[in-house]
Amino acid sequence: MDAMLPSRLGKLRIICSLPLFSDAICLKKQSAAEHGFTQVLLSIALAPHLGLSKDAECELIELAIFAELPKALLGDPSFYLRQRHPEASAMYKDVRGRLYKETEESFRMKTSRSPELYGLHRLVDAFAAMLFIEKECLLGNSYFQAERYRTHYHQMRRKVLAGENLSSVHPVVKAELGEGKEVVPAQRTGSDIDWCKAIDFLDALFDDATRARLEGGIGEYSATFVGMMEKLKEHYRYKGWSYLFPESVGEHTYQVVFLARILASALGLRPQERIELYRLAAMHDLAEAYASDVVYPVKVREKDLGKMHAELEEKVIEDICSRLGMTLSNEAFLGTIVEICDRFSAQLYFDRERRGGNTHFDVPNTSMDRTREKYKTRHPEVFLVLDELWDEFQGCFAPPGKR
């Protein structure tokens, strides 16, 4: 498994299996990829309401896309240990900064060093963790009851209501300065964050989901934005064929978004194009929380069912976008990138199940094959990037002397 770490797709696969909340006894573990999926969707929804510039909005989303990747190297350090032992906390912070930078370099990416944007990202991260704790409490996990109303998000919320600023230094900045050196504030984004407005927006999302759950049960809850996010971490792909490494729609969506992030850099897309691409990628399966999923062979064979399902999903997405005050791009090229990334993620999953011995997946990935035939002539540059990633990943499994 260590051989996978140098490869970029290897890191992406690892965080799809890495459970968070390592200190806790959980009813339903949440992977780092599922947590990243939640952060990405929340960042996409929140950014337009804060009046950020397009550059800042793009950087906030890209922070959410990238922030879980260093955990492929670090894992999920014990929260209890860090709370009780300051020396361990300081060491983990230093290690995290170095591994974060190492991961950035391996992907040839760099996330924003803005203290405001990183502080806003930490707020979104804390809200996503609070949603997980709330769900565990609702499911009857009494181990989380003491944490329910004193999560990291609640602490940050109280600071904002007391007039404090949540700006925070990026972990790489701390690591680059070295131990004992004073942190110099990074360059500002050009627009101050309205922290109260951010809190109000996140609180409203939570209140909307809570009200729907109490008044209408799971049906109404699953039609809210938060409800859809949470349910996609409970929905699994391939309808029972994948018994070795079940993959949630949330984990799949995170992979699609991250692949889109890689292509956005490789293709030199502008901030506005990137934002539109990330929205399309993050929301491409969101309606499945409401409309459920239909497996690919059935979509191909039962044309009427596939068409009806697609129309229903489109209406659900339009409704959610309307409530959030945003629109999804109809730019054909961006939609094509998402479609290719969607199929490439499936190729990754087929490979994983086959290597585990699941003979159900020992067949050609026809959806990726058809997508390649459809788009390779028009967009060879996209497949060039993905094929490079694939070859690098497959090289991890070669005998040591042949890598």
Protein backbone atom coordinates (compact mmCIF):
# COMPACT_ATOMS: atom_id res chain seq x y z
CA MET A 1 0.00 0.00 0.00
CA ASP A 2 2.89 2.40 0.72
CA ALA A 3 3.79 2.17 -2.96
CA MET A 4 0.52 3.95 -3.80
CA LEU A 5 1.40 7.10 -1.87
CA PRO A 6 3.78 8.66 -4.43
CA SER A 7 1.04 8.49 -7.07
CA ARG A 8 -1.63 11.16 -7.21
CA LEU A 9 -4.53 8.78 -7.79
CA GLY A 10 -3.17 6.59 -5.00
CA LYS A 11 -3.64 9.43 -2.51
CA LEU A 12 -7.14 10.04 -3.85
CA ARG A 13 -8.06 6.37 -3.40
CA ILE A 14 -6.63 6.21 0.12
CA ILE A 15 -8.76 9.04 1.50
CA CYS A 16 -11.87 7.28 0.15
CA SER A 17 -11.09 4.52 2.68
CA LEU A 18 -9.72 6.66 5.51
CA PRO A 19 -12.29 6.98 8.33
CA LEU A 20 -12.33 10.22 10.32
CA PHE A 21 -13.22 10.74 14.01
CA SER A 22 -10.55 8.24 15.03
CA ASP A 23 -11.23 8.86 18.73
CA ALA A 24 -14.93 8.10 18.44
CA ILE A 25 -17.18 5.05 18.51
CA CYS A 26 -19.34 5.73 15.46
CA LEU A 27 -22.47 4.08 14.13
CA LYS A 28 -21.54 5.05 10.59
CA LYS A 29 -17.95 6.01 9.87
CA GLN A 30 -17.33 8.93 7.55
CA SER A 31 -14.37 8.88 5.17
CA ALA A 32 -12.07 11.82 4.50
CA ALA A 33 -13.46 11.93 0.95
CA GLU A 34 -17.05 12.17 2.22
CA HIS A 35 -16.01 14.96 4.57
CA GLY A 36 -14.27 16.70 1.66
CA PHE A 37 -17.43 16.33 -0.45
CA THR A 38 -19.45 18.10 2.27
CA GLN A 39 -16.92 20.93 2.51
CA VAL A 40 -16.88 21.46 -1.26
CA LEU A 41 -20.68 21.70 -1.53
CA LEU A 42 -20.90 24.02 1.47
CA SER A 43 -18.16 26.28 0.08
CA ILE A 44 -19.89 26.43 -3.30
CA ALA A 45 -23.18 27.38 -1.62
CA LEU A 46 -21.68 29.88 0.85
CA ALA A 47 -19.26 31.86 -1.31
CA PRO A 48 -21.80 33.79 -3.45
CA HIS A 49 -23.57 35.06 -0.33
CA LEU A 50 -20.44 36.75 1.03
CA GLY A 51 -19.75 39.03 -1.94
CA LEU A 52 -16.32 37.52 -2.59
CA SER A 53 -14.45 38.30 -5.78
CA LYS A 54 -14.38 35.52 -8.34
CA ASP A 55 -10.71 34.89 -7.54
CA ALA A 56 -11.48 34.57 -3.82
CA GLU A 57 -14.55 32.40 -4.44
CA CYS A 58 -12.51 30.06 -6.61
CA GLU A 59 -9.71 29.88 -4.05
CA LEU A 60 -12.15 29.06 -1.23
CA ILE A 61 -13.62 26.15 -3.21
CA GLU A 62 -10.16 24.91 -4.14
CA LEU A 63 -9.14 24.95 -0.47
CA ALA A 64 -12.10 22.68 0.26
CA ILE A 65 -11.24 20.40 -2.65
CA PHE A 66 -7.63 19.96 -1.58
CA ALA A 67 -7.59 20.10 2.23
CA GLU A 68 -8.32 16.40 2.90
CA LEU A 69 -5.59 15.08 0.57
CA PRO A 70 -2.66 15.44 3.05
CA LYS A 71 -4.48 12.96 5.31
CA ALA A 72 -3.44 10.23 2.86
CA LEU A 73 0.03 10.71 4.38
CA LEU A 74 -0.85 11.84 7.91
CA GLY A 75 -4.03 9.91 8.66
CA ASP A 76 -6.51 11.30 11.20
CA PRO A 77 -4.50 12.28 14.31
CA SER A 78 -6.13 11.75 17.70
CA PHE A 79 -8.13 14.83 18.72
CA TYR A 80 -8.07 13.76 22.37
CA LEU A 81 -4.28 13.39 22.34
CA ARG A 82 -3.80 16.83 20.79
CA GLN A 83 -6.17 18.42 23.30
CA ARG A 84 -4.48 16.88 26.34
CA HIS A 85 -0.84 17.10 25.24
CA PRO A 86 0.28 20.48 23.87
CA GLU A 87 3.63 19.05 22.78
CA ALA A 88 1.84 16.46 20.61
CA SER A 89 -0.43 19.14 19.19
CA ALA A 90 2.55 21.31 18.23
CA MET A 91 4.28 18.36 16.57
CA TYR A 92 1.18 17.39 14.58
CA LYS A 93 0.76 20.98 13.37
CA ASP A 94 4.35 21.06 12.17
CA VAL A 95 4.08 17.68 10.47
CA ARG A 96 0.74 18.63 8.90
CA GLY A 97 2.21 21.77 7.38
CA ARG A 98 5.13 19.89 5.86
CA LEU A 99 2.94 17.09 4.50
CA TYR A 100 0.42 19.63 3.17
CA LYS A 101 3.21 21.30 1.23
CA GLU A 102 4.56 17.94 0.04
CA THR A 103 1.10 17.01 -1.23
CA GLU A 104 0.70 20.34 -3.01
CA GLU A 105 4.02 19.80 -4.75
CA SER A 106 3.15 16.25 -5.79
CA PHE A 107 -0.03 17.55 -7.49
CA ARG A 108 1.72 20.68 -8.77
CA MET A 109 -0.97 22.77 -7.10
CA LYS A 110 -0.91 25.54 -4.53
CA THR A 111 -3.84 26.55 -2.35
CA SER A 112 -4.54 30.08 -1.17
CA ARG A 113 -2.43 31.40 1.70
CA SER A 114 -4.99 34.10 2.52
CA PRO A 115 -5.69 34.07 6.30
CA GLU A 116 -9.30 35.17 5.72
CA LEU A 117 -10.03 32.43 3.20
CA TYR A 118 -8.26 29.79 5.26
CA GLY A 119 -10.23 30.91 8.32
CA LEU A 120 -13.45 30.70 6.32
CA HIS A 121 -12.45 27.22 5.14
CA ARG A 122 -11.90 26.15 8.76
CA LEU A 123 -15.39 27.41 9.63
CA VAL A 124 -16.89 25.31 6.81
CA ASP A 125 -14.80 22.32 7.93
CA ALA A 126 -16.13 22.70 11.49
CA PHE A 127 -19.74 22.97 10.27
CA ALA A 128 -19.32 19.79 8.21
CA ALA A 129 -17.98 17.96 11.29
CA MET A 130 -20.90 19.28 13.34
CA LEU A 131 -23.34 17.79 10.81
CA PHE A 132 -21.72 14.39 11.31
CA ILE A 133 -21.94 14.63 15.10
CA GLU A 134 -25.58 15.73 14.86
CA LYS A 135 -26.41 12.74 12.67
CA GLU A 136 -24.75 10.33 15.10
CA CYS A 137 -26.79 11.83 17.95
CA LEU A 138 -30.03 11.53 15.96
CA LEU A 139 -29.24 7.89 15.27
CA GLY A 140 -28.92 7.26 18.99
CA ASN A 141 -25.16 7.26 19.51
CA SER A 142 -24.94 8.36 23.14
CA TYR A 143 -21.15 8.69 22.93
CA PHE A 144 -21.66 11.93 21.02
CA GLN A 145 -24.31 13.49 23.29
CA ALA A 146 -21.77 15.43 25.36
CA GLU A 147 -20.29 16.91 22.17
CA ARG A 148 -23.55 17.80 20.48
CA TYR A 149 -23.75 21.49 21.42
CA ARG A 150 -20.09 22.20 22.05
CA THR A 151 -18.50 21.26 18.75
CA HIS A 152 -15.70 23.22 17.13
CA TYR A 153 -18.34 24.97 15.02
CA HIS A 154 -20.22 26.12 18.13
CA GLN A 155 -16.96 27.49 19.56
CA MET A 156 -16.21 29.41 16.37
CA ARG A 157 -19.79 30.62 16.20
CA ARG A 158 -19.55 32.11 19.70
CA LYS A 159 -16.34 33.90 18.74
CA VAL A 160 -18.02 35.49 15.73
CA LEU A 161 -21.04 36.60 17.77
CA ALA A 162 -18.61 38.13 20.27
CA GLY A 163 -17.10 40.20 17.46
CA GLU A 164 -13.94 38.16 16.89
CA ASN A 165 -12.25 37.54 13.54
CA LEU A 166 -11.73 33.93 12.44
CA SER A 167 -8.79 34.58 10.10
CA SER A 168 -6.22 31.81 10.46
CA VAL A 169 -2.70 31.11 9.23
CA HIS A 170 -2.38 28.40 6.58
CA PRO A 171 -0.48 25.33 7.91
CA VAL A 172 2.16 25.56 5.17
CA VAL A 173 2.99 29.14 6.19
CA LYS A 174 3.70 27.96 9.74
CA ALA A 175 5.82 25.08 8.50
CA GLU A 176 7.88 27.31 6.19
CA LEU A 177 8.65 29.80 8.95
CA GLY A 178 9.95 27.14 11.31
CA GLU A 179 9.66 26.61 15.04
CA GLY A 180 9.61 29.64 17.30
CA LYS A 181 9.35 32.20 14.49
CA GLU A 182 6.61 34.81 14.42
CA VAL A 183 3.94 34.33 11.78
CA VAL A 184 3.65 37.31 9.46
CA PRO A 185 0.09 37.85 8.17
CA ALA A 186 -0.28 36.76 4.56
CA GLN A 187 -1.58 38.97 1.77
CA ARG A 188 -5.25 39.82 2.15
CA THR A 189 -7.90 38.81 -0.36
CA GLY A 190 -9.00 42.35 -1.12
CA SER A 191 -12.40 41.90 0.50
CA ASP A 192 -13.09 41.43 4.20
CA ILE A 193 -15.16 38.45 5.26
CA ASP A 194 -18.51 39.19 6.86
CA TRP A 195 -18.23 36.47 9.49
CA CYS A 196 -21.72 37.05 10.92
CA LYS A 197 -23.19 36.66 7.45
CA ALA A 198 -21.30 33.37 7.03
CA ILE A 199 -22.64 32.08 10.36
CA ASP A 200 -26.17 33.18 9.50
CA PHE A 201 -26.05 31.32 6.18
CA LEU A 202 -24.77 28.08 7.70
CA ASP A 203 -27.24 28.28 10.57
CA ALA A 204 -30.08 28.79 8.07
CA LEU A 205 -29.07 25.64 6.16
CA PHE A 206 -29.06 23.64 9.39
CA ASP A 207 -32.37 25.10 10.60
CA ASP A 208 -34.03 24.39 7.24
CA ALA A 209 -32.99 20.73 7.41
CA THR A 210 -34.02 20.39 11.06
CA ARG A 211 -37.44 21.93 10.45
CA ALA A 212 -38.05 19.67 7.43
CA ARG A 213 -37.06 16.58 9.42
CA LEU A 214 -39.31 17.42 12.36
CA GLU A 215 -42.32 18.43 10.26
CA GLY A 216 -42.13 16.02 7.32
CA GLY A 217 -39.72 13.24 8.26
CA ILE A 218 -37.06 11.77 6.00
CA GLY A 219 -38.95 12.65 2.81
CA GLU A 220 -38.95 16.38 3.49
CA TYR A 221 -35.46 16.25 4.99
CA SER A 222 -34.01 14.63 1.87
CA ALA A 223 -35.34 17.52 -0.25
CA THR A 224 -33.21 20.08 1.64
CA PHE A 225 -29.65 20.96 0.67
CA VAL A 226 -28.15 19.55 3.88
CA GLY A 227 -30.38 16.48 3.64
CA MET A 228 -29.15 15.72 0.13
CA MET A 229 -25.52 16.11 1.16
CA GLU A 230 -25.92 13.77 4.11
CA LYS A 231 -27.95 11.16 2.24
CA LEU A 232 -25.40 10.90 -0.57
CA LYS A 233 -22.94 9.62 2.02
CA GLU A 234 -25.42 6.80 2.74
CA HIS A 235 -26.21 5.93 -0.89
CA TYR A 236 -23.86 3.37 -2.43
CA ARG A 237 -23.11 2.87 -6.10
CA TYR A 238 -23.49 -0.26 -8.23
CA LYS A 239 -26.48 -1.63 -6.29
CA GLY A 240 -24.84 -4.51 -4.45
CA TRP A 241 -22.27 -5.58 -7.04
CA SER A 242 -19.53 -3.83 -5.07
CA TYR A 243 -19.21 -5.90 -1.93
CA LEU A 244 -15.47 -5.47 -1.25
CA PHE A 245 -15.10 -1.69 -1.06
CA PRO A 246 -18.56 -0.07 -1.12
CA GLU A 247 -18.29 3.49 -2.43
CA SER A 248 -20.83 6.13 -1.52
CA VAL A 249 -22.11 8.68 -4.02
CA GLY A 250 -20.45 11.31 -1.81
CA GLU A 251 -17.03 9.65 -2.21
CA HIS A 252 -17.56 9.28 -5.95
CA THR A 253 -18.59 12.94 -6.28
CA TYR A 254 -15.52 14.08 -4.36
CA GLN A 255 -13.33 12.15 -6.79
CA VAL A 256 -15.09 13.74 -9.77
CA VAL A 257 -14.58 17.22 -8.30
CA PHE A 258 -10.92 16.54 -7.57
CA LEU A 259 -10.29 15.22 -11.07
CA ALA A 260 -11.99 18.35 -12.40
CA ARG A 261 -9.62 20.41 -10.22
CA ILE A 262 -6.61 18.69 -11.79
CA LEU A 263 -7.94 19.33 -15.29
CA ALA A 264 -8.79 22.96 -14.46
CA SER A 265 -5.10 23.60 -13.74
CA ALA A 266 -3.83 21.56 -16.68
CA LEU A 267 -6.15 23.36 -19.11
CA GLY A 268 -5.48 26.82 -17.66
CA LEU A 269 -9.13 27.64 -16.97
CA ARG A 270 -9.96 31.10 -15.62
CA PRO A 271 -11.46 31.51 -12.09
CA GLN A 272 -15.03 31.98 -13.39
CA GLU A 273 -14.74 28.85 -15.56
CA ARG A 274 -13.31 26.90 -12.62
CA ILE A 275 -16.19 27.92 -10.36
CA GLU A 276 -18.72 26.83 -12.97
CA LEU A 277 -16.85 23.54 -13.48
CA TYR A 278 -16.74 22.79 -9.74
CA ARG A 279 -20.46 23.53 -9.39
CA LEU A 280 -21.30 21.13 -12.20
CA ALA A 281 -19.02 18.42 -10.80
CA ALA A 282 -20.18 18.77 -7.20
CA MET A 283 -23.87 18.74 -8.05
CA HIS A 284 -23.91 16.24 -10.91
CA ASP A 285 -25.30 13.45 -8.69
CA LEU A 286 -26.89 15.57 -5.94
CA ALA A 287 -30.45 14.73 -7.00
CA GLU A 288 -29.82 11.01 -6.44
CA ALA A 289 -30.45 11.67 -2.74
CA TYR A 290 -34.04 12.44 -3.72
CA ALA A 291 -34.57 10.39 -6.90
CA SER A 292 -32.23 7.46 -6.05
CA ASP A 293 -29.88 5.92 -8.60
CA VAL A 294 -30.43 3.75 -11.65
CA VAL A 295 -27.50 1.52 -12.58
CA TYR A 296 -25.82 2.17 -15.92
CA PRO A 297 -26.96 -1.04 -17.74
CA VAL A 298 -30.59 -0.27 -16.92
CA LYS A 299 -30.21 3.34 -18.11
CA VAL A 300 -28.87 2.03 -21.42
CA ARG A 301 -31.49 -0.70 -21.84
CA GLU A 302 -34.62 1.01 -20.46
CA LYS A 303 -34.60 4.27 -22.40
CA ASP A 304 -37.91 5.62 -21.05
CA LEU A 305 -36.88 5.04 -17.43
CA GLY A 306 -33.51 6.64 -18.02
CA LYS A 307 -35.12 9.69 -19.66
CA MET A 308 -37.70 10.10 -16.89
CA HIS A 309 -35.01 9.78 -14.24
CA ALA A 310 -32.79 12.37 -15.95
CA GLU A 311 -35.69 14.85 -16.20
CA LEU A 312 -36.56 14.37 -12.53
CA GLU A 313 -32.94 14.90 -11.46
CA GLU A 314 -32.74 18.06 -13.58
CA LYS A 315 -35.84 19.52 -11.87
CA VAL A 316 -34.47 18.72 -8.40
CA ILE A 317 -31.12 20.38 -9.19
CA GLU A 318 -32.90 23.46 -10.62
CA ASP A 319 -34.93 23.74 -7.41
CA ILE A 320 -31.86 23.50 -5.18
CA CYS A 321 -29.93 26.04 -7.29
CA SER A 322 -32.89 28.41 -7.17
CA ARG A 323 -33.02 28.20 -3.38
CA LEU A 324 -29.28 28.86 -3.16
CA GLY A 325 -29.47 31.75 -5.62
CA MET A 326 -27.14 30.25 -8.21
CA THR A 327 -27.28 28.80 -11.71
CA LEU A 328 -25.40 25.92 -13.33
CA SER A 329 -23.47 26.55 -16.52
CA ASN A 330 -24.71 25.09 -19.80
CA GLU A 331 -21.24 25.43 -21.37
CA ALA A 332 -20.79 22.20 -23.33
CA PHE A 333 -17.04 21.88 -22.75
CA LEU A 334 -17.40 22.10 -18.96
CA GLY A 335 -20.17 19.51 -19.03
CA THR A 336 -17.93 17.27 -21.11
CA ILE A 337 -15.12 17.50 -18.54
CA VAL A 338 -17.53 16.45 -15.77
CA GLU A 339 -18.83 13.55 -17.86
CA ILE A 340 -15.29 12.31 -18.57
CA CYS A 341 -14.27 12.65 -14.91
CA ASP A 342 -17.42 10.80 -13.87
CA ARG A 343 -16.53 7.84 -16.09
CA PHE A 344 -12.85 7.95 -15.10
CA SER A 345 -13.86 7.71 -11.44
CA ALA A 346 -15.80 4.57 -12.34
CA GLN A 347 -12.67 3.20 -14.02
CA LEU A 348 -10.79 3.71 -10.75
CA TYR A 349 -13.48 1.84 -8.88
CA PHE A 350 -13.54 -1.07 -11.33
CA ASP A 351 -9.78 -1.39 -10.88
CA ARG A 352 -10.07 -1.45 -7.10
CA GLU A 353 -12.75 -4.15 -7.03
CA ARG A 354 -10.89 -6.30 -9.56
CA ARG A 355 -7.67 -6.13 -7.55
CA GLY A 356 -9.63 -7.21 -4.48
CA GLY A 357 -10.90 -10.28 -6.32
CA ASN A 358 -14.46 -9.20 -7.15
CA THR A 359 -15.08 -11.04 -10.41
CA HIS A 360 -18.27 -9.05 -11.03
CA PHE A 361 -15.97 -6.22 -12.14
CA ASP A 362 -13.67 -8.39 -14.26
CA VAL A 363 -15.29 -6.94 -17.38
CA PRO A 364 -14.55 -3.94 -19.61
CA ASN A 365 -15.66 -0.56 -18.26
CA THR A 366 -17.97 0.13 -21.19
CA SER A 367 -19.07 3.55 -19.93
CA MET A 368 -15.47 4.85 -19.97
CA ASP A 369 -14.77 3.16 -23.31
CA ARG A 370 -17.79 4.84 -24.92
CA THR A 371 -16.87 8.21 -23.40
CA ARG A 372 -13.33 7.94 -24.74
CA GLU A 373 -14.61 7.09 -28.23
CA LYS A 374 -17.03 10.02 -28.07
CA TYR A 375 -14.62 12.75 -26.96
CA LYS A 376 -10.99 11.77 -27.54
CA THR A 377 -10.74 13.29 -31.01
CA ARG A 378 -12.25 16.60 -29.87
CA HIS A 379 -10.47 16.83 -26.51
CA PRO A 380 -7.22 14.86 -26.64
CA GLU A 381 -5.64 17.17 -24.04
CA VAL A 382 -8.10 15.96 -21.38
CA PHE A 383 -7.31 12.29 -21.97
CA LEU A 384 -3.59 13.04 -22.08
CA VAL A 385 -3.76 14.29 -18.46
CA LEU A 386 -5.96 11.43 -17.25
CA ASP A 387 -3.87 8.78 -19.01
CA GLU A 388 -0.74 10.16 -17.35
CA LEU A 389 -2.45 9.90 -13.95
CA TRP A 390 -3.59 6.35 -14.75
CA ASP A 391 -0.17 5.14 -15.90
CA GLU A 392 1.47 6.62 -12.81
CA PHE A 393 -1.09 4.86 -10.59
CA GLN A 394 -0.80 1.50 -12.34
CA GLY A 395 2.97 1.69 -12.00
CA CYS A 396 2.52 1.44 -8.22
CA PHE A 397 1.48 -2.19 -8.59
CA ALA A 398 4.42 -3.27 -10.72
CA PRO A 399 7.17 -5.37 -9.07
CA PRO A 400 9.76 -3.09 -7.35
CA GLY A 401 12.43 -3.68 -9.99
CA LYS A 402 10.09 -2.75 -12.86
CA ARG A 403 8.67 0.54 -11.56
